[in-house]
N, C-alpha and C. Protein backbone atom coordinates (compact mmCIF):
# COMPACT_ATOMS: atom_id res chain seq x y z
N MET A 1 98.13 115.00 95.36
CA MET A 1 99.42 114.36 95.55
C MET A 1 100.21 114.48 94.25
N LYS A 2 101.46 114.75 94.37
CA LYS A 2 102.34 114.83 93.21
C LYS A 2 103.04 113.49 93.01
N LEU A 3 103.51 113.27 91.82
CA LEU A 3 104.18 112.02 91.47
C LEU A 3 105.37 111.74 92.39
N LYS A 4 106.10 112.77 92.75
CA LYS A 4 107.28 112.59 93.60
C LYS A 4 106.93 112.23 95.04
N ASP A 5 105.69 112.47 95.46
CA ASP A 5 105.26 112.19 96.83
C ASP A 5 104.78 110.74 97.04
N ILE A 6 104.69 109.98 95.99
CA ILE A 6 104.16 108.62 96.10
C ILE A 6 105.10 107.72 96.91
N LYS A 7 106.39 107.91 96.78
CA LYS A 7 107.34 107.10 97.55
C LYS A 7 107.12 107.28 99.05
N LYS A 8 106.90 108.51 99.47
CA LYS A 8 106.63 108.78 100.89
C LYS A 8 105.33 108.11 101.31
N PHE A 9 104.31 108.15 100.46
CA PHE A 9 103.04 107.49 100.75
C PHE A 9 103.24 105.99 100.94
N GLU A 10 104.05 105.38 100.08
CA GLU A 10 104.33 103.95 100.20
C GLU A 10 105.08 103.62 101.50
N GLN A 11 105.96 104.48 101.91
CA GLN A 11 106.69 104.27 103.17
C GLN A 11 105.76 104.35 104.37
N GLN A 12 104.77 105.21 104.29
CA GLN A 12 103.82 105.36 105.39
C GLN A 12 102.73 104.29 105.37
N ASN A 13 102.57 103.60 104.26
CA ASN A 13 101.56 102.56 104.10
C ASN A 13 102.23 101.28 103.60
N PRO A 14 102.80 100.50 104.50
CA PRO A 14 103.62 99.35 104.09
C PRO A 14 102.86 98.21 103.40
N GLN A 15 101.55 98.26 103.34
CA GLN A 15 100.80 97.21 102.66
C GLN A 15 100.40 97.59 101.23
N ILE A 16 100.75 98.82 100.78
CA ILE A 16 100.31 99.32 99.48
C ILE A 16 101.50 99.66 98.59
N SER A 17 101.44 99.23 97.33
CA SER A 17 102.41 99.68 96.33
C SER A 17 101.63 100.44 95.24
N VAL A 18 102.23 101.49 94.72
CA VAL A 18 101.56 102.36 93.75
C VAL A 18 102.37 102.43 92.47
N ASN A 19 101.73 102.13 91.35
CA ASN A 19 102.33 102.24 90.02
C ASN A 19 101.57 103.31 89.25
N VAL A 20 102.29 104.10 88.48
CA VAL A 20 101.66 105.19 87.73
C VAL A 20 102.01 105.06 86.26
N LEU A 21 100.99 105.14 85.41
CA LEU A 21 101.16 105.11 83.97
C LEU A 21 100.79 106.47 83.40
N GLY A 22 101.42 106.83 82.30
CA GLY A 22 101.12 108.09 81.63
C GLY A 22 100.39 107.83 80.33
N TYR A 23 99.79 108.86 79.79
CA TYR A 23 99.01 108.76 78.56
C TYR A 23 99.31 109.97 77.69
N GLU A 24 99.71 109.69 76.45
CA GLU A 24 99.98 110.79 75.52
C GLU A 24 99.85 110.28 74.10
N GLY A 25 99.08 110.96 73.29
CA GLY A 25 98.93 110.59 71.89
C GLY A 25 98.46 109.16 71.67
N LYS A 26 97.48 108.72 72.41
CA LYS A 26 96.91 107.38 72.33
C LYS A 26 97.88 106.28 72.74
N LYS A 27 98.95 106.64 73.41
CA LYS A 27 99.94 105.67 73.90
C LYS A 27 99.97 105.72 75.42
N ILE A 28 100.06 104.56 76.02
CA ILE A 28 100.17 104.44 77.47
C ILE A 28 101.57 103.93 77.77
N PHE A 29 102.22 104.54 78.76
CA PHE A 29 103.60 104.18 79.08
C PHE A 29 103.81 104.29 80.60
N PRO A 30 104.76 103.53 81.15
CA PRO A 30 105.01 103.60 82.60
C PRO A 30 105.74 104.89 82.98
N LEU A 31 105.24 105.55 84.01
CA LEU A 31 105.90 106.74 84.56
C LEU A 31 106.64 106.40 85.85
N ARG A 32 105.99 105.57 86.67
CA ARG A 32 106.59 105.17 87.95
C ARG A 32 106.14 103.76 88.28
N ILE A 33 107.08 102.88 88.45
CA ILE A 33 106.81 101.51 88.86
C ILE A 33 107.37 101.33 90.26
N SER A 34 106.55 100.86 91.16
CA SER A 34 106.94 100.72 92.55
C SER A 34 108.08 99.73 92.72
N GLU A 35 108.99 100.08 93.61
CA GLU A 35 110.07 99.16 93.97
C GLU A 35 109.58 98.13 94.98
N MET A 36 108.42 98.37 95.56
CA MET A 36 107.84 97.49 96.57
C MET A 36 106.80 96.57 95.93
N ALA A 37 107.24 95.65 95.11
CA ALA A 37 106.33 94.82 94.33
C ALA A 37 105.62 93.73 95.12
N GLU A 38 106.15 93.31 96.23
CA GLU A 38 105.59 92.19 96.98
C GLU A 38 104.68 92.65 98.12
N ARG A 39 103.85 93.61 97.88
CA ARG A 39 102.96 94.11 98.93
C ARG A 39 101.56 93.52 98.76
N GLU A 40 100.78 93.64 99.79
CA GLU A 40 99.44 93.04 99.80
C GLU A 40 98.52 93.66 98.75
N HIS A 41 98.60 94.97 98.57
CA HIS A 41 97.72 95.68 97.63
C HIS A 41 98.56 96.44 96.60
N ASP A 42 98.24 96.22 95.34
CA ASP A 42 98.87 96.97 94.24
C ASP A 42 97.83 97.94 93.70
N VAL A 43 98.21 99.21 93.59
CA VAL A 43 97.33 100.23 93.05
C VAL A 43 97.95 100.74 91.76
N ASN A 44 97.19 100.70 90.67
CA ASN A 44 97.65 101.20 89.38
C ASN A 44 96.86 102.46 89.06
N LEU A 45 97.58 103.53 88.75
CA LEU A 45 96.96 104.82 88.46
C LEU A 45 97.38 105.30 87.08
N LEU A 46 96.50 106.06 86.44
CA LEU A 46 96.80 106.70 85.17
C LEU A 46 96.85 108.20 85.43
N LEU A 47 97.95 108.83 85.05
CA LEU A 47 98.12 110.27 85.25
C LEU A 47 97.71 111.00 83.97
N LEU A 48 96.72 111.87 84.09
CA LEU A 48 96.23 112.63 82.95
C LEU A 48 96.61 114.10 83.11
N GLU A 49 97.13 114.69 82.06
CA GLU A 49 97.48 116.11 82.01
C GLU A 49 98.39 116.53 83.17
N ASP A 50 99.21 115.63 83.64
CA ASP A 50 100.18 115.89 84.72
C ASP A 50 99.56 116.42 86.00
N LYS A 51 98.24 116.20 86.20
CA LYS A 51 97.64 116.68 87.44
C LYS A 51 96.49 115.84 87.97
N HIS A 52 95.94 114.93 87.18
CA HIS A 52 94.80 114.14 87.63
C HIS A 52 95.15 112.65 87.60
N PHE A 53 94.95 111.97 88.72
CA PHE A 53 95.16 110.52 88.79
C PHE A 53 93.81 109.82 88.64
N VAL A 54 93.80 108.75 87.84
CA VAL A 54 92.61 107.95 87.63
C VAL A 54 92.97 106.51 87.98
N LEU A 55 92.11 105.85 88.76
CA LEU A 55 92.35 104.47 89.14
C LEU A 55 92.15 103.54 87.95
N ILE A 56 93.08 102.62 87.74
CA ILE A 56 92.96 101.61 86.70
C ILE A 56 92.46 100.34 87.37
N ASN A 57 91.21 99.99 87.11
CA ASN A 57 90.63 98.79 87.71
C ASN A 57 91.10 97.52 87.01
N ASP A 58 91.22 97.56 85.70
CA ASP A 58 91.59 96.37 84.93
C ASP A 58 92.66 96.77 83.91
N LEU A 59 93.90 96.51 84.24
CA LEU A 59 95.02 96.88 83.37
C LEU A 59 94.94 96.17 82.03
N SER A 60 94.55 94.92 82.05
CA SER A 60 94.42 94.15 80.81
C SER A 60 93.41 94.79 79.87
N ARG A 61 92.31 95.20 80.41
CA ARG A 61 91.27 95.81 79.57
C ARG A 61 91.74 97.13 78.95
N LEU A 62 92.48 97.90 79.73
CA LEU A 62 92.99 99.19 79.24
C LEU A 62 94.03 99.00 78.14
N LEU A 63 94.96 98.08 78.34
CA LEU A 63 96.08 97.92 77.42
C LEU A 63 95.80 96.99 76.24
N SER A 64 94.87 96.05 76.39
CA SER A 64 94.57 95.12 75.30
C SER A 64 94.06 95.85 74.07
N HIS A 65 93.34 96.92 74.28
CA HIS A 65 92.82 97.70 73.16
C HIS A 65 93.96 98.31 72.33
N GLN A 66 95.06 98.64 72.96
CA GLN A 66 96.23 99.15 72.25
C GLN A 66 96.88 98.08 71.39
N MET A 67 96.82 96.83 71.85
CA MET A 67 97.53 95.74 71.19
C MET A 67 96.76 95.19 69.98
N SER A 68 95.46 94.97 70.12
CA SER A 68 94.68 94.39 69.04
C SER A 68 93.20 94.63 69.31
N ASN A 69 92.38 94.23 68.37
CA ASN A 69 90.94 94.35 68.53
C ASN A 69 90.33 93.10 69.15
N LEU A 70 91.14 92.12 69.47
CA LEU A 70 90.64 90.90 70.08
C LEU A 70 90.17 91.19 71.51
N LYS A 71 89.13 90.52 71.91
CA LYS A 71 88.59 90.76 73.26
C LYS A 71 88.98 89.63 74.19
N GLU A 72 90.25 89.34 74.25
CA GLU A 72 90.74 88.30 75.15
C GLU A 72 91.55 88.94 76.26
N LYS A 73 91.56 88.29 77.40
CA LYS A 73 92.32 88.83 78.54
C LYS A 73 93.80 88.56 78.33
N ARG A 74 94.61 89.56 78.58
CA ARG A 74 96.06 89.44 78.50
C ARG A 74 96.64 89.87 79.83
N PHE A 75 97.81 89.39 80.12
CA PHE A 75 98.52 89.78 81.33
C PHE A 75 99.74 90.58 80.92
N PHE A 76 99.90 91.75 81.52
CA PHE A 76 100.96 92.68 81.13
C PHE A 76 101.98 92.83 82.24
N TYR A 77 103.22 93.02 81.85
CA TYR A 77 104.31 93.35 82.76
C TYR A 77 104.36 94.86 82.86
N LEU A 78 104.27 95.39 84.05
CA LEU A 78 104.23 96.84 84.22
C LEU A 78 105.49 97.56 83.78
N ARG A 79 106.64 96.94 83.93
CA ARG A 79 107.89 97.61 83.60
C ARG A 79 108.03 97.93 82.10
N CYS A 80 107.52 97.06 81.25
CA CYS A 80 107.67 97.28 79.81
C CYS A 80 106.32 97.31 79.07
N LEU A 81 105.25 96.95 79.74
CA LEU A 81 103.89 96.89 79.18
C LEU A 81 103.76 95.88 78.05
N ASN A 82 104.59 94.86 78.05
CA ASN A 82 104.44 93.76 77.10
C ASN A 82 103.55 92.70 77.71
N SER A 83 102.82 92.01 76.81
CA SER A 83 101.93 90.96 77.30
C SER A 83 102.55 89.60 77.13
C-alpha cells in the first residue's frame, strides 16, 4: 500500500483511522495524520525507507526515548509530537 492509498482504505473501513510517522536521521515526524480521529480503532504506522510500514504498538515508548532518558510514560499529540 502506498501512502496516498490510505485515505481510500479509511473510507472502505469506517471503524479504522490510520496515522503514519516518518523516520530520518534519528528524528520521528508526522507524515500523515488521519482526519477521522473519532474512530473505534487507531492504527499508528512508521514508514521506513519510503516503502515499508511498521506497526507502532506503543507510541509513548517510541517517542519518549527521543525526549529524555527517563523511563516514564508520556502522552503525545500526533499532530505535533509534543508530550
